[in-house]
Amino acid sequence: MKNTLKNLTVVALVALVTVSFTSILEGKKDIKTEKSIVTWKGYKVTGSHQGTIKIKEGSLTFKNNKLVDGAFTINMASLTNTDLSDANYRSKLEGHLKSDDFFGVAKHPTATLAFTKVKSTGKNAYKIKGDLTIKGRTHAITFALSVYGNKANASLKIDRTKYNVRYGSTSFFDGLKDKAIYDEFDLVIDLEF
């Protein structure tokens, strides 16, 4: 009897510790926008620029500890540059990126990403298909996303010309030489939820 009580106590203690330290992901998890970071990087013939942009709102949905859905709204007005130290050049670049030459933020203050298919590719790894909308144009995009505890990260390569962001693109303009800007830009996304 004494041994049975002792064994039950040990089992209960192990179960409590296991539950306490095991993260069960279930349901819709809102993104902590102030702790999440989206970094962009654009490339031109003579170099590159990078910066950040903020998530306005977003969520990831889990079922049985597996990612099943996600949706995000990006605040395009929050677009900033982080590689230029001169405030005047930085302000000029940010203003140009927000203008109609690029993202037309006054007319299109947000961009969205909605997952359309989520496929598990391994422990904590997923292949995501989604609809990305920029400047009112929506196109399918595929990327890998990893989830660890209450954090997730992904890297996306986006062809800006699909979203009518054509400024400096050799796909549309001839004779740009060293003024050319490459069509693809990168987003590195670090989420906390």
C-alpha atoms as a PDB file:
ATOM      1  CA  MET A   1       0.000   0.000   0.000  1.00  0.00           C
ATOM      2  CA  LYS A   2       2.819   2.333   0.943  1.00  0.00           C
ATOM      3  CA  ASN A   3       4.643   1.546  -2.335  1.00  0.00           C
ATOM      4  CA  THR A   4       1.451   2.061  -4.370  1.00  0.00           C
ATOM      5  CA  LEU A   5       0.908   5.499  -2.804  1.00  0.00           C
ATOM      6  CA  LYS A   6       4.557   6.355  -3.400  1.00  0.00           C
ATOM      7  CA  ASN A   7       4.326   5.242  -7.066  1.00  0.00           C
ATOM      8  CA  LEU A   8       1.140   7.243  -7.612  1.00  0.00           C
ATOM      9  CA  THR A   9       2.806  10.330  -6.138  1.00  0.00           C
ATOM     10  CA  VAL A  10       5.805   9.922  -8.472  1.00  0.00           C
ATOM     11  CA  VAL A  11       3.533   9.435 -11.503  1.00  0.00           C
ATOM     12  CA  ALA A  12       1.477  12.519 -10.577  1.00  0.00           C
ATOM     13  CA  LEU A  13       4.644  14.587 -10.095  1.00  0.00           C
ATOM     14  CA  VAL A  14       6.103  13.472 -13.463  1.00  0.00           C
ATOM     15  CA  ALA A  15       2.783  14.220 -15.193  1.00  0.00           C
ATOM     16  CA  LEU A  16       2.639  17.697 -13.617  1.00  0.00           C
ATOM     17  CA  VAL A  17       6.228  18.522 -14.640  1.00  0.00           C
ATOM     18  CA  THR A  18       5.648  17.209 -18.165  1.00  0.00           C
ATOM     19  CA  VAL A  19       2.479  19.284 -18.645  1.00  0.00           C
ATOM     20  CA  SER A  20       4.141  22.361 -17.132  1.00  0.00           C
ATOM     21  CA  PHE A  21       7.064  22.293 -19.557  1.00  0.00           C
ATOM     22  CA  THR A  22       5.331  21.031 -22.692  1.00  0.00           C
ATOM     23  CA  SER A  23       3.887  23.723 -24.918  1.00  0.00           C
ATOM     24  CA  ILE A  24       0.539  22.683 -26.350  1.00  0.00           C
ATOM     25  CA  LEU A  25      -0.360  24.788 -29.359  1.00  0.00           C
ATOM     26  CA  GLU A  26      -4.076  24.891 -29.933  1.00  0.00           C
ATOM     27  CA  GLY A  27      -6.363  27.524 -31.419  1.00  0.00           C
ATOM     28  CA  LYS A  28      -5.749  30.985 -32.801  1.00  0.00           C
ATOM     29  CA  LYS A  29      -2.648  32.757 -31.470  1.00  0.00           C
ATOM     30  CA  ASP A  30      -2.447  36.522 -31.973  1.00  0.00           C
ATOM     31  CA  ILE A  31       0.918  37.907 -33.045  1.00  0.00           C
ATOM     32  CA  LYS A  32       2.643  40.145 -30.503  1.00  0.00           C
ATOM     33  CA  THR A  33       3.202  42.986 -32.951  1.00  0.00           C
ATOM     34  CA  GLU A  34       5.648  44.955 -30.792  1.00  0.00           C
ATOM     35  CA  LYS A  35       7.894  41.899 -30.315  1.00  0.00           C
ATOM     36  CA  SER A  36       7.736  40.693 -33.931  1.00  0.00           C
ATOM     37  CA  ILE A  37      10.138  42.004 -36.582  1.00  0.00           C
ATOM     38  CA  VAL A  38       9.853  42.132 -40.373  1.00  0.00           C
ATOM     39  CA  THR A  39      13.089  43.099 -42.115  1.00  0.00           C
ATOM     40  CA  TRP A  40      13.136  43.984 -45.821  1.00  0.00           C
ATOM     41  CA  LYS A  41      16.130  44.141 -48.148  1.00  0.00           C
ATOM     42  CA  GLY A  42      16.083  45.513 -51.691  1.00  0.00           C
ATOM     43  CA  TYR A  43      18.890  45.231 -54.214  1.00  0.00           C
ATOM     44  CA  LYS A  44      20.218  47.531 -56.923  1.00  0.00           C
ATOM     45  CA  VAL A  45      23.161  47.307 -59.293  1.00  0.00           C
ATOM     46  CA  THR A  46      25.288  49.497 -57.017  1.00  0.00           C
ATOM     47  CA  GLY A  47      24.352  47.858 -53.696  1.00  0.00           C
ATOM     48  CA  SER A  48      21.346  47.368 -51.453  1.00  0.00           C
ATOM     49  CA  HIS A  49      19.160  48.970 -48.808  1.00  0.00           C
ATOM     50  CA  GLN A  50      17.371  47.426 -45.873  1.00  0.00           C
ATOM     51  CA  GLY A  51      14.972  48.348 -43.139  1.00  0.00           C
ATOM     52  CA  THR A  52      11.948  47.249 -41.187  1.00  0.00           C
ATOM     53  CA  ILE A  53       8.190  47.284 -41.514  1.00  0.00           C
ATOM     54  CA  LYS A  54       5.612  46.620 -38.790  1.00  0.00           C
ATOM     55  CA  ILE A  55       2.848  44.086 -38.562  1.00  0.00           C
ATOM     56  CA  LYS A  56      -0.462  45.834 -37.866  1.00  0.00           C
ATOM     57  CA  GLU A  57      -2.146  42.588 -36.812  1.00  0.00           C
ATOM     58  CA  GLY A  58      -1.823  38.896 -37.424  1.00  0.00           C
ATOM     59  CA  SER A  59      -2.412  35.410 -36.140  1.00  0.00           C
ATOM     60  CA  LEU A  60      -1.361  31.801 -36.504  1.00  0.00           C
ATOM     61  CA  THR A  61      -3.861  28.999 -35.945  1.00  0.00           C
ATOM     62  CA  PHE A  62      -2.910  25.597 -34.547  1.00  0.00           C
ATOM     63  CA  LYS A  63      -4.793  22.324 -34.274  1.00  0.00           C
ATOM     64  CA  ASN A  64      -3.387  19.326 -32.387  1.00  0.00           C
ATOM     65  CA  ASN A  65      -0.059  21.146 -31.947  1.00  0.00           C
ATOM     66  CA  LYS A  66       0.288  21.704 -35.737  1.00  0.00           C
ATOM     67  CA  LEU A  67       0.067  24.943 -37.702  1.00  0.00           C
ATOM     68  CA  VAL A  68      -3.055  24.984 -39.899  1.00  0.00           C
ATOM     69  CA  ASP A  69      -3.621  28.646 -40.873  1.00  0.00           C
ATOM     70  CA  GLY A  70      -2.335  32.196 -40.664  1.00  0.00           C
ATOM     71  CA  ALA A  71      -3.147  35.758 -41.709  1.00  0.00           C
ATOM     72  CA  PHE A  72      -1.307  39.071 -41.433  1.00  0.00           C
ATOM     73  CA  THR A  73      -1.846  42.749 -42.148  1.00  0.00           C
ATOM     74  CA  ILE A  74       1.247  44.905 -42.657  1.00  0.00           C
ATOM     75  CA  ASN A  75       1.297  48.627 -41.879  1.00  0.00           C
ATOM     76  CA  MET A  76       2.938  50.015 -45.032  1.00  0.00           C
ATOM     77  CA  ALA A  77       3.276  53.506 -43.491  1.00  0.00           C
ATOM     78  CA  SER A  78       5.694  52.017 -40.926  1.00  0.00           C
ATOM     79  CA  LEU A  79       8.298  51.240 -43.616  1.00  0.00           C
ATOM     80  CA  THR A  80      11.699  52.515 -42.447  1.00  0.00           C
ATOM     81  CA  ASN A  81      15.296  52.333 -43.627  1.00  0.00           C
ATOM     82  CA  THR A  82      17.993  51.115 -41.233  1.00  0.00           C
ATOM     83  CA  ASP A  83      21.206  51.121 -43.284  1.00  0.00           C
ATOM     84  CA  LEU A  84      21.590  54.856 -44.009  1.00  0.00           C
ATOM     85  CA  SER A  85      23.113  56.888 -41.188  1.00  0.00           C
ATOM     86  CA  ASP A  86      22.461  60.306 -42.797  1.00  0.00           C
ATOM     87  CA  ALA A  87      18.971  61.390 -41.680  1.00  0.00           C
ATOM     88  CA  ASN A  88      18.342  63.397 -44.881  1.00  0.00           C
ATOM     89  CA  TYR A  89      19.173  60.501 -47.223  1.00  0.00           C
ATOM     90  CA  ARG A  90      17.242  58.076 -45.024  1.00  0.00           C
ATOM     91  CA  SER A  91      14.152  60.333 -45.017  1.00  0.00           C
ATOM     92  CA  LYS A  92      14.393  60.819 -48.785  1.00  0.00           C
ATOM     93  CA  LEU A  93      14.603  57.056 -49.410  1.00  0.00           C
ATOM     94  CA  GLU A  94      11.703  56.298 -47.036  1.00  0.00           C
ATOM     95  CA  GLY A  95       9.574  58.971 -48.726  1.00  0.00           C
ATOM     96  CA  HIS A  96      10.380  57.562 -52.169  1.00  0.00           C
ATOM     97  CA  LEU A  97       9.551  53.984 -51.107  1.00  0.00           C
ATOM     98  CA  LYS A  98       6.181  55.200 -49.748  1.00  0.00           C
ATOM     99  CA  SER A  99       5.427  57.187 -52.930  1.00  0.00           C
ATOM    100  CA  ASP A 100       3.502  55.943 -55.967  1.00  0.00           C
ATOM    101  CA  ASP A 101       6.841  55.050 -57.621  1.00  0.00           C
ATOM    102  CA  PHE A 102       7.019  52.134 -55.187  1.00  0.00           C
ATOM    103  CA  PHE A 103       4.334  51.137 -52.655  1.00  0.00           C
ATOM    104  CA  GLY A 104       1.838  54.035 -52.913  1.00  0.00           C
ATOM    105  CA  VAL A 105       1.207  54.047 -49.169  1.00  0.00           C
ATOM    106  CA  ALA A 106      -1.319  56.933 -49.274  1.00  0.00           C
ATOM    107  CA  LYS A 107      -3.656  54.843 -51.482  1.00  0.00           C
ATOM    108  CA  HIS A 108      -2.576  51.430 -50.146  1.00  0.00           C
ATOM    109  CA  PRO A 109      -1.830  51.790 -46.406  1.00  0.00           C
ATOM    110  CA  THR A 110      -1.753  48.032 -45.777  1.00  0.00           C
ATOM    111  CA  ALA A 111      -0.546  44.830 -47.404  1.00  0.00           C
ATOM    112  CA  THR A 112      -1.899  41.407 -46.463  1.00  0.00           C
ATOM    113  CA  LEU A 113      -0.838  37.787 -46.432  1.00  0.00           C
ATOM    114  CA  ALA A 114      -3.423  35.018 -46.012  1.00  0.00           C
ATOM    115  CA  PHE A 115      -2.374  31.366 -45.871  1.00  0.00           C
ATOM    116  CA  THR A 116      -4.253  29.159 -48.354  1.00  0.00           C
ATOM    117  CA  LYS A 117      -2.456  25.858 -47.666  1.00  0.00           C
ATOM    118  CA  VAL A 118      -0.187  24.670 -44.853  1.00  0.00           C
ATOM    119  CA  LYS A 119       1.823  21.457 -45.242  1.00  0.00           C
ATOM    120  CA  SER A 120       4.014  20.003 -42.525  1.00  0.00           C
ATOM    121  CA  THR A 121       7.478  19.171 -43.908  1.00  0.00           C
ATOM    122  CA  GLY A 122       9.104  18.001 -40.678  1.00  0.00           C
ATOM    123  CA  LYS A 123       9.223  18.734 -36.982  1.00  0.00           C
ATOM    124  CA  ASN A 124       8.370  22.437 -36.562  1.00  0.00           C
ATOM    125  CA  ALA A 125       8.719  23.026 -40.345  1.00  0.00           C
ATOM    126  CA  TYR A 126       5.996  23.955 -42.818  1.00  0.00           C
ATOM    127  CA  LYS A 127       5.577  24.763 -46.490  1.00  0.00           C
ATOM    128  CA  ILE A 128       3.138  27.656 -46.768  1.00  0.00           C
ATOM    129  CA  LYS A 129       1.126  28.701 -49.788  1.00  0.00           C
ATOM    130  CA  GLY A 130      -0.610  32.017 -49.461  1.00  0.00           C
ATOM    131  CA  ASP A 131      -2.115  35.024 -51.159  1.00  0.00           C
ATOM    132  CA  LEU A 132       0.020  38.159 -50.848  1.00  0.00           C
ATOM    133  CA  THR A 133      -1.681  41.473 -51.603  1.00  0.00           C
ATOM    134  CA  ILE A 134       0.384  44.609 -52.234  1.00  0.00           C
ATOM    135  CA  LYS A 135      -1.017  47.775 -53.849  1.00  0.00           C
ATOM    136  CA  GLY A 136      -4.365  46.045 -54.333  1.00  0.00           C
ATOM    137  CA  ARG A 137      -2.870  43.215 -56.396  1.00  0.00           C
ATOM    138  CA  THR A 138      -2.958  39.645 -55.140  1.00  0.00           C
ATOM    139  CA  HIS A 139      -0.613  36.848 -56.189  1.00  0.00           C
ATOM    140  CA  ALA A 140       0.154  33.394 -54.810  1.00  0.00           C
ATOM    141  CA  ILE A 141       3.407  32.938 -52.932  1.00  0.00           C
ATOM    142  CA  THR A 142       5.134  29.858 -51.463  1.00  0.00           C
ATOM    143  CA  PHE A 143       7.654  29.892 -48.612  1.00  0.00           C
ATOM    144  CA  ALA A 144       8.992  27.872 -45.682  1.00  0.00           C
ATOM    145  CA  LEU A 145       8.061  28.708 -42.099  1.00  0.00           C
ATOM    146  CA  SER A 146       9.477  27.291 -38.856  1.00  0.00           C
ATOM    147  CA  VAL A 147       7.748  27.291 -35.461  1.00  0.00           C
ATOM    148  CA  TYR A 148       9.590  26.886 -32.139  1.00  0.00           C
ATOM    149  CA  GLY A 149       7.552  27.321 -28.960  1.00  0.00           C
ATOM    150  CA  ASN A 150       5.877  30.725 -29.202  1.00  0.00           C
ATOM    151  CA  LYS A 151       8.086  31.963 -32.048  1.00  0.00           C
ATOM    152  CA  ALA A 152       8.037  31.501 -35.817  1.00  0.00           C
ATOM    153  CA  ASN A 153      10.266  32.671 -38.642  1.00  0.00           C
ATOM    154  CA  ALA A 154      10.226  32.735 -42.418  1.00  0.00           C
ATOM    155  CA  SER A 155      12.116  34.190 -45.370  1.00  0.00           C
ATOM    156  CA  LEU A 156      10.265  35.343 -48.482  1.00  0.00           C
ATOM    157  CA  LYS A 157      11.545  36.445 -51.876  1.00  0.00           C
ATOM    158  CA  ILE A 158       9.040  38.727 -53.608  1.00  0.00           C
ATOM    159  CA  ASP A 159       8.941  39.895 -57.232  1.00  0.00           C
ATOM    160  CA  ARG A 160       7.795  43.501 -56.805  1.00  0.00           C
ATOM    161  CA  THR A 161       6.814  43.885 -60.468  1.00  0.00           C
ATOM    162  CA  LYS A 162       3.857  41.506 -59.955  1.00  0.00           C
ATOM    163  CA  TYR A 163       2.417  44.169 -57.635  1.00  0.00           C
ATOM    164  CA  ASN A 164       2.912  47.083 -60.038  1.00  0.00           C
ATOM    165  CA  VAL A 165       6.091  48.279 -58.298  1.00  0.00           C
ATOM    166  CA  ARG A 166       8.078  48.947 -61.460  1.00  0.00           C
ATOM    167  CA  TYR A 167      10.334  51.911 -60.662  1.00  0.00           C
ATOM    168  CA  GLY A 168      13.910  51.245 -61.820  1.00  0.00           C
ATOM    169  CA  SER A 169      13.076  47.773 -63.169  1.00  0.00           C
ATOM    170  CA  THR A 170      14.996  46.605 -66.225  1.00  0.00           C
ATOM    171  CA  SER A 171      11.982  44.410 -66.996  1.00  0.00           C
ATOM    172  CA  PHE A 172      10.116  47.592 -68.004  1.00  0.00           C
ATOM    173  CA  PHE A 173      12.704  50.303 -68.658  1.00  0.00           C
ATOM    174  CA  ASP A 174      15.758  50.347 -70.943  1.00  0.00           C
ATOM    175  CA  GLY A 175      19.014  52.215 -70.412  1.00  0.00           C
ATOM    176  CA  LEU A 176      18.955  52.309 -66.615  1.00  0.00           C
ATOM    177  CA  LYS A 177      22.567  51.122 -66.310  1.00  0.00           C
ATOM    178  CA  ASP A 178      23.755  51.662 -62.716  1.00  0.00           C
ATOM    179  CA  LYS A 179      20.341  53.109 -61.721  1.00  0.00           C
ATOM    180  CA  ALA A 180      18.662  49.702 -62.119  1.00  0.00           C
ATOM    181  CA  ILE A 181      16.892  48.156 -59.140  1.00  0.00           C
ATOM    182  CA  TYR A 182      16.417  44.387 -59.111  1.00  0.00           C
ATOM    183  CA  ASP A 183      12.861  43.085 -59.292  1.00  0.00           C
ATOM    184  CA  GLU A 184      13.078  40.786 -56.265  1.00  0.00           C
ATOM    185  CA  PHE A 185      13.356  41.882 -52.666  1.00  0.00           C
ATOM    186  CA  ASP A 186      13.623  39.843 -49.472  1.00  0.00           C
ATOM    187  CA  LEU A 187      11.528  39.763 -46.305  1.00  0.00           C
ATOM    188  CA  VAL A 188      12.818  38.074 -43.172  1.00  0.00           C
ATOM    189  CA  ILE A 189      10.031  37.598 -40.649  1.00  0.00           C
ATOM    190  CA  ASP A 190      10.536  36.849 -36.944  1.00  0.00           C
ATOM    191  CA  LEU A 191       7.235  36.396 -35.114  1.00  0.00           C
ATOM    192  CA  GLU A 192       6.317  36.056 -31.470  1.00  0.00           C
ATOM    193  CA  PHE A 193       2.843  34.977 -30.371  1.00  0.00           C
END
